[in-house]
Amino acid sequence: MARQREPNGVEPEFSEDDIQRAQLGPRGVPGAPDPAKMTPQREKKTPKHIDQGHTS
C-alpha cells in the first residue's frame, strides 16, 4: 500500500513525535500520565494573542 504524500506547505495531521508519544507514552512509559505542566510564571509570560505575521 503506497502512502499518500501531503502537498508542499501543508502540515501533516500528526507529526512523528505525536505518533511515538501515542505508542510509547509521554516519557517512554506506555499509559503513564504526562508529568509536564505549565508553571504560573510561564503562563503569565505566554502571550494570549499570537500575531501570525505578515504574508509578504
PDB file of N, CA and C in Angstrom:
ATOM      1  N   MET A   1       0.849  -1.170   0.000  1.00  0.00           N
ATOM      2  CA  MET A   1       0.000   0.000   0.000  1.00  0.00           C
ATOM      3  C   MET A   1       0.901   1.242   0.000  1.00  0.00           C
ATOM      4  N   ALA A   2       0.727   2.108  -0.960  1.00  0.00           N
ATOM      5  CA  ALA A   2       1.528   3.321  -1.082  1.00  0.00           C
ATOM      6  C   ALA A   2       0.972   4.397  -0.154  1.00  0.00           C
ATOM      7  N   ARG A   3       1.869   5.097   0.471  1.00  0.00           N
ATOM      8  CA  ARG A   3       1.474   6.174   1.379  1.00  0.00           C
ATOM      9  C   ARG A   3       1.220   7.446   0.576  1.00  0.00           C
ATOM     10  N   GLN A   4       0.117   8.105   0.840  1.00  0.00           N
ATOM     11  CA  GLN A   4      -0.219   9.329   0.130  1.00  0.00           C
ATOM     12  C   GLN A   4       0.620  10.474   0.679  1.00  0.00           C
ATOM     13  N   ARG A   5       1.238  11.227  -0.215  1.00  0.00           N
ATOM     14  CA  ARG A   5       2.098  12.334   0.198  1.00  0.00           C
ATOM     15  C   ARG A   5       1.283  13.604   0.334  1.00  0.00           C
ATOM     16  N   GLU A   6       1.636  14.406   1.325  1.00  0.00           N
ATOM     17  CA  GLU A   6       1.000  15.700   1.536  1.00  0.00           C
ATOM     18  C   GLU A   6       1.588  16.716   0.564  1.00  0.00           C
ATOM     19  N   PRO A   7       0.775  17.628   0.050  1.00  0.00           N
ATOM     20  CA  PRO A   7       1.326  18.675  -0.815  1.00  0.00           C
ATOM     21  C   PRO A   7       2.248  19.603  -0.021  1.00  0.00           C
ATOM     22  N   ASN A   8       3.149  20.273  -0.703  1.00  0.00           N
ATOM     23  CA  ASN A   8       4.076  21.200  -0.041  1.00  0.00           C
ATOM     24  C   ASN A   8       3.314  22.286   0.692  1.00  0.00           C
ATOM     25  N   GLY A   9       3.792  22.652   1.870  1.00  0.00           N
ATOM     26  CA  GLY A   9       3.190  23.733   2.637  1.00  0.00           C
ATOM     27  C   GLY A   9       2.038  23.298   3.517  1.00  0.00           C
ATOM     28  N   VAL A  10       1.704  22.022   3.537  1.00  0.00           N
ATOM     29  CA  VAL A  10       0.602  21.525   4.363  1.00  0.00           C
ATOM     30  C   VAL A  10       1.190  20.628   5.448  1.00  0.00           C
ATOM     31  N   GLU A  11       0.911  20.979   6.694  1.00  0.00           N
ATOM     32  CA  GLU A  11       1.403  20.183   7.813  1.00  0.00           C
ATOM     33  C   GLU A  11       0.624  18.881   7.910  1.00  0.00           C
ATOM     34  N   PRO A  12       1.281  17.775   8.199  1.00  0.00           N
ATOM     35  CA  PRO A  12       0.549  16.518   8.387  1.00  0.00           C
ATOM     36  C   PRO A  12      -0.303  16.594   9.655  1.00  0.00           C
ATOM     37  N   GLU A  13      -1.314  15.744   9.719  1.00  0.00           N
ATOM     38  CA  GLU A  13      -2.219  15.755  10.869  1.00  0.00           C
ATOM     39  C   GLU A  13      -1.473  15.388  12.153  1.00  0.00           C
ATOM     40  N   PHE A  14      -0.570  14.421  12.060  1.00  0.00           N
ATOM     41  CA  PHE A  14       0.232  14.002  13.212  1.00  0.00           C
ATOM     42  C   PHE A  14       1.701  14.021  12.829  1.00  0.00           C
ATOM     43  N   SER A  15       2.549  14.522  13.730  1.00  0.00           N
ATOM     44  CA  SER A  15       3.981  14.506  13.479  1.00  0.00           C
ATOM     45  C   SER A  15       4.547  13.166  13.953  1.00  0.00           C
ATOM     46  N   GLU A  16       5.804  12.919  13.654  1.00  0.00           N
ATOM     47  CA  GLU A  16       6.447  11.693  14.120  1.00  0.00           C
ATOM     48  C   GLU A  16       6.467  11.651  15.645  1.00  0.00           C
ATOM     49  N   ASP A  17       6.659  12.804  16.274  1.00  0.00           N
ATOM     50  CA  ASP A  17       6.654  12.863  17.739  1.00  0.00           C
ATOM     51  C   ASP A  17       5.287  12.482  18.299  1.00  0.00           C
ATOM     52  N   ASP A  18       4.215  12.941  17.659  1.00  0.00           N
ATOM     53  CA  ASP A  18       2.868  12.594  18.107  1.00  0.00           C
ATOM     54  C   ASP A  18       2.632  11.086  18.025  1.00  0.00           C
ATOM     55  N   ILE A  19       3.106  10.474  16.942  1.00  0.00           N
ATOM     56  CA  ILE A  19       2.932   9.032  16.760  1.00  0.00           C
ATOM     57  C   ILE A  19       3.707   8.265  17.825  1.00  0.00           C
ATOM     58  N   GLN A  20       4.956   8.659  18.085  1.00  0.00           N
ATOM     59  CA  GLN A  20       5.757   7.980  19.110  1.00  0.00           C
ATOM     60  C   GLN A  20       5.157   8.159  20.501  1.00  0.00           C
ATOM     61  N   ARG A  21       4.662   9.359  20.795  1.00  0.00           N
ATOM     62  CA  ARG A  21       4.049   9.613  22.096  1.00  0.00           C
ATOM     63  C   ARG A  21       2.804   8.747  22.282  1.00  0.00           C
ATOM     64  N   ALA A  22       2.034   8.547  21.215  1.00  0.00           N
ATOM     65  CA  ALA A  22       0.842   7.694  21.299  1.00  0.00           C
ATOM     66  C   ALA A  22       1.231   6.239  21.551  1.00  0.00           C
ATOM     67  N   GLN A  23       2.337   5.794  20.961  1.00  0.00           N
ATOM     68  CA  GLN A  23       2.766   4.399  21.119  1.00  0.00           C
ATOM     69  C   GLN A  23       3.483   4.155  22.438  1.00  0.00           C
ATOM     70  N   LEU A  24       4.350   5.077  22.848  1.00  0.00           N
ATOM     71  CA  LEU A  24       5.231   4.845  23.991  1.00  0.00           C
ATOM     72  C   LEU A  24       4.880   5.638  25.240  1.00  0.00           C
ATOM     73  N   GLY A  25       3.948   6.564  25.152  1.00  0.00           N
ATOM     74  CA  GLY A  25       3.638   7.408  26.299  1.00  0.00           C
ATOM     75  C   GLY A  25       4.538   8.628  26.314  1.00  0.00           C
ATOM     76  N   PRO A  26       4.234   9.619  27.161  1.00  0.00           N
ATOM     77  CA  PRO A  26       4.979  10.874  27.144  1.00  0.00           C
ATOM     78  C   PRO A  26       6.438  10.746  27.580  1.00  0.00           C
ATOM     79  N   ARG A  27       6.759   9.813  28.457  1.00  0.00           N
ATOM     80  CA  ARG A  27       8.136   9.643  28.925  1.00  0.00           C
ATOM     81  C   ARG A  27       8.673   8.254  28.606  1.00  0.00           C
ATOM     82  N   GLY A  28       8.113   7.624  27.561  1.00  0.00           N
ATOM     83  CA  GLY A  28       8.581   6.299  27.176  1.00  0.00           C
ATOM     84  C   GLY A  28       7.950   5.188  27.984  1.00  0.00           C
ATOM     85  N   VAL A  29       6.950   5.507  28.793  1.00  0.00           N
ATOM     86  CA  VAL A  29       6.238   4.510  29.593  1.00  0.00           C
ATOM     87  C   VAL A  29       4.797   4.474  29.115  1.00  0.00           C
ATOM     88  N   PRO A  30       4.374   3.409  28.428  1.00  0.00           N
ATOM     89  CA  PRO A  30       3.005   3.352  27.916  1.00  0.00           C
ATOM     90  C   PRO A  30       1.967   3.471  29.029  1.00  0.00           C
ATOM     91  N   GLY A  31       0.978   4.333  28.823  1.00  0.00           N
ATOM     92  CA  GLY A  31      -0.111   4.510  29.774  1.00  0.00           C
ATOM     93  C   GLY A  31       0.179   5.454  30.928  1.00  0.00           C
ATOM     94  N   ALA A  32       1.410   5.936  31.039  1.00  0.00           N
ATOM     95  CA  ALA A  32       1.757   6.848  32.133  1.00  0.00           C
ATOM     96  C   ALA A  32       1.243   8.257  31.825  1.00  0.00           C
ATOM     97  N   PRO A  33       0.821   9.008  32.854  1.00  0.00           N
ATOM     98  CA  PRO A  33       0.373  10.383  32.611  1.00  0.00           C
ATOM     99  C   PRO A  33       1.559  11.287  32.285  1.00  0.00           C
ATOM    100  N   ASP A  34       1.278  12.386  31.614  1.00  0.00           N
ATOM    101  CA  ASP A  34       2.314  13.348  31.260  1.00  0.00           C
ATOM    102  C   ASP A  34       2.574  14.243  32.472  1.00  0.00           C
ATOM    103  N   PRO A  35       3.775  14.186  33.080  1.00  0.00           N
ATOM    104  CA  PRO A  35       4.049  14.969  34.284  1.00  0.00           C
ATOM    105  C   PRO A  35       4.320  16.448  34.008  1.00  0.00           C
ATOM    106  N   ALA A  36       4.510  16.811  32.735  1.00  0.00           N
ATOM    107  CA  ALA A  36       4.828  18.206  32.410  1.00  0.00           C
ATOM    108  C   ALA A  36       3.587  19.083  32.552  1.00  0.00           C
ATOM    109  N   LYS A  37       3.776  20.241  33.176  1.00  0.00           N
ATOM    110  CA  LYS A  37       2.683  21.201  33.282  1.00  0.00           C
ATOM    111  C   LYS A  37       3.272  22.601  33.221  1.00  0.00           C
ATOM    112  N   MET A  38       2.444  23.532  32.814  1.00  0.00           N
ATOM    113  CA  MET A  38       2.905  24.908  32.687  1.00  0.00           C
ATOM    114  C   MET A  38       2.958  25.560  34.069  1.00  0.00           C
ATOM    115  N   THR A  39       4.087  26.187  34.373  1.00  0.00           N
ATOM    116  CA  THR A  39       4.225  26.872  35.653  1.00  0.00           C
ATOM    117  C   THR A  39       3.478  28.202  35.589  1.00  0.00           C
ATOM    118  N   PRO A  40       3.074  28.753  36.735  1.00  0.00           N
ATOM    119  CA  PRO A  40       2.364  30.036  36.722  1.00  0.00           C
ATOM    120  C   PRO A  40       3.165  31.153  36.062  1.00  0.00           C
ATOM    121  N   GLN A  41       4.495  31.175  36.270  1.00  0.00           N
ATOM    122  CA  GLN A  41       5.320  32.233  35.680  1.00  0.00           C
ATOM    123  C   GLN A  41       5.334  32.100  34.160  1.00  0.00           C
ATOM    124  N   ARG A  42       5.469  30.881  33.644  1.00  0.00           N
ATOM    125  CA  ARG A  42       5.486  30.673  32.202  1.00  0.00           C
ATOM    126  C   ARG A  42       4.124  31.012  31.601  1.00  0.00           C
ATOM    127  N   GLU A  43       3.054  30.699  32.326  1.00  0.00           N
ATOM    128  CA  GLU A  43       1.713  31.010  31.841  1.00  0.00           C
ATOM    129  C   GLU A  43       1.525  32.523  31.715  1.00  0.00           C
ATOM    130  N   LYS A  44       2.084  33.281  32.672  1.00  0.00           N
ATOM    131  CA  LYS A  44       1.989  34.740  32.606  1.00  0.00           C
ATOM    132  C   LYS A  44       2.774  35.291  31.423  1.00  0.00           C
ATOM    133  N   LYS A  45       3.906  34.658  31.090  1.00  0.00           N
ATOM    134  CA  LYS A  45       4.757  35.134  30.011  1.00  0.00           C
ATOM    135  C   LYS A  45       4.222  34.755  28.627  1.00  0.00           C
ATOM    136  N   THR A  46       3.386  33.742  28.549  1.00  0.00           N
ATOM    137  CA  THR A  46       2.863  33.278  27.265  1.00  0.00           C
ATOM    138  C   THR A  46       1.819  34.257  26.750  1.00  0.00           C
ATOM    139  N   PRO A  47       2.018  34.789  25.542  1.00  0.00           N
ATOM    140  CA  PRO A  47       1.049  35.761  25.022  1.00  0.00           C
ATOM    141  C   PRO A  47      -0.299  35.113  24.737  1.00  0.00           C
ATOM    142  N   LYS A  48      -1.363  35.857  25.006  1.00  0.00           N
ATOM    143  CA  LYS A  48      -2.716  35.359  24.741  1.00  0.00           C
ATOM    144  C   LYS A  48      -3.062  35.522  23.266  1.00  0.00           C
ATOM    145  N   HIS A  49      -2.614  36.647  22.669  1.00  0.00           N
ATOM    146  CA  HIS A  49      -2.868  36.898  21.257  1.00  0.00           C
ATOM    147  C   HIS A  49      -1.564  36.677  20.501  1.00  0.00           C
ATOM    148  N   ILE A  50      -1.582  35.784  19.535  1.00  0.00           N
ATOM    149  CA  ILE A  50      -0.385  35.490  18.764  1.00  0.00           C
ATOM    150  C   ILE A  50      -0.523  36.115  17.389  1.00  0.00           C
ATOM    151  N   ASP A  51       0.382  37.029  17.065  1.00  0.00           N
ATOM    152  CA  ASP A  51       0.388  37.677  15.750  1.00  0.00           C
ATOM    153  C   ASP A  51       0.922  36.686  14.728  1.00  0.00           C
ATOM    154  N   GLN A  52       0.134  36.410  13.697  1.00  0.00           N
ATOM    155  CA  GLN A  52       0.528  35.436  12.686  1.00  0.00           C
ATOM    156  C   GLN A  52       1.594  35.978  11.737  1.00  0.00           C
ATOM    157  N   GLY A  53       1.919  37.219  11.831  1.00  0.00           N
ATOM    158  CA  GLY A  53       2.958  37.792  11.000  1.00  0.00           C
ATOM    159  C   GLY A  53       2.424  38.329   9.688  1.00  0.00           C
ATOM    160  N   HIS A  54       3.326  38.744   8.853  1.00  0.00           N
ATOM    161  CA  HIS A  54       2.961  39.333   7.574  1.00  0.00           C
ATOM    162  C   HIS A  54       3.057  38.291   6.478  1.00  0.00           C
ATOM    163  N   THR A  55       2.209  38.410   5.498  1.00  0.00           N
ATOM    164  CA  THR A  55       2.206  37.446   4.402  1.00  0.00           C
ATOM    165  C   THR A  55       3.176  37.800   3.299  1.00  0.00           C
ATOM    166  N   SER A  56       3.681  39.020   3.268  1.00  0.00           N
ATOM    167  CA  SER A  56       4.589  39.381   2.168  1.00  0.00           C
ATOM    168  C   SER A  56       6.028  39.392   2.609  1.00  0.00           C
TER     169      SER A  56
END
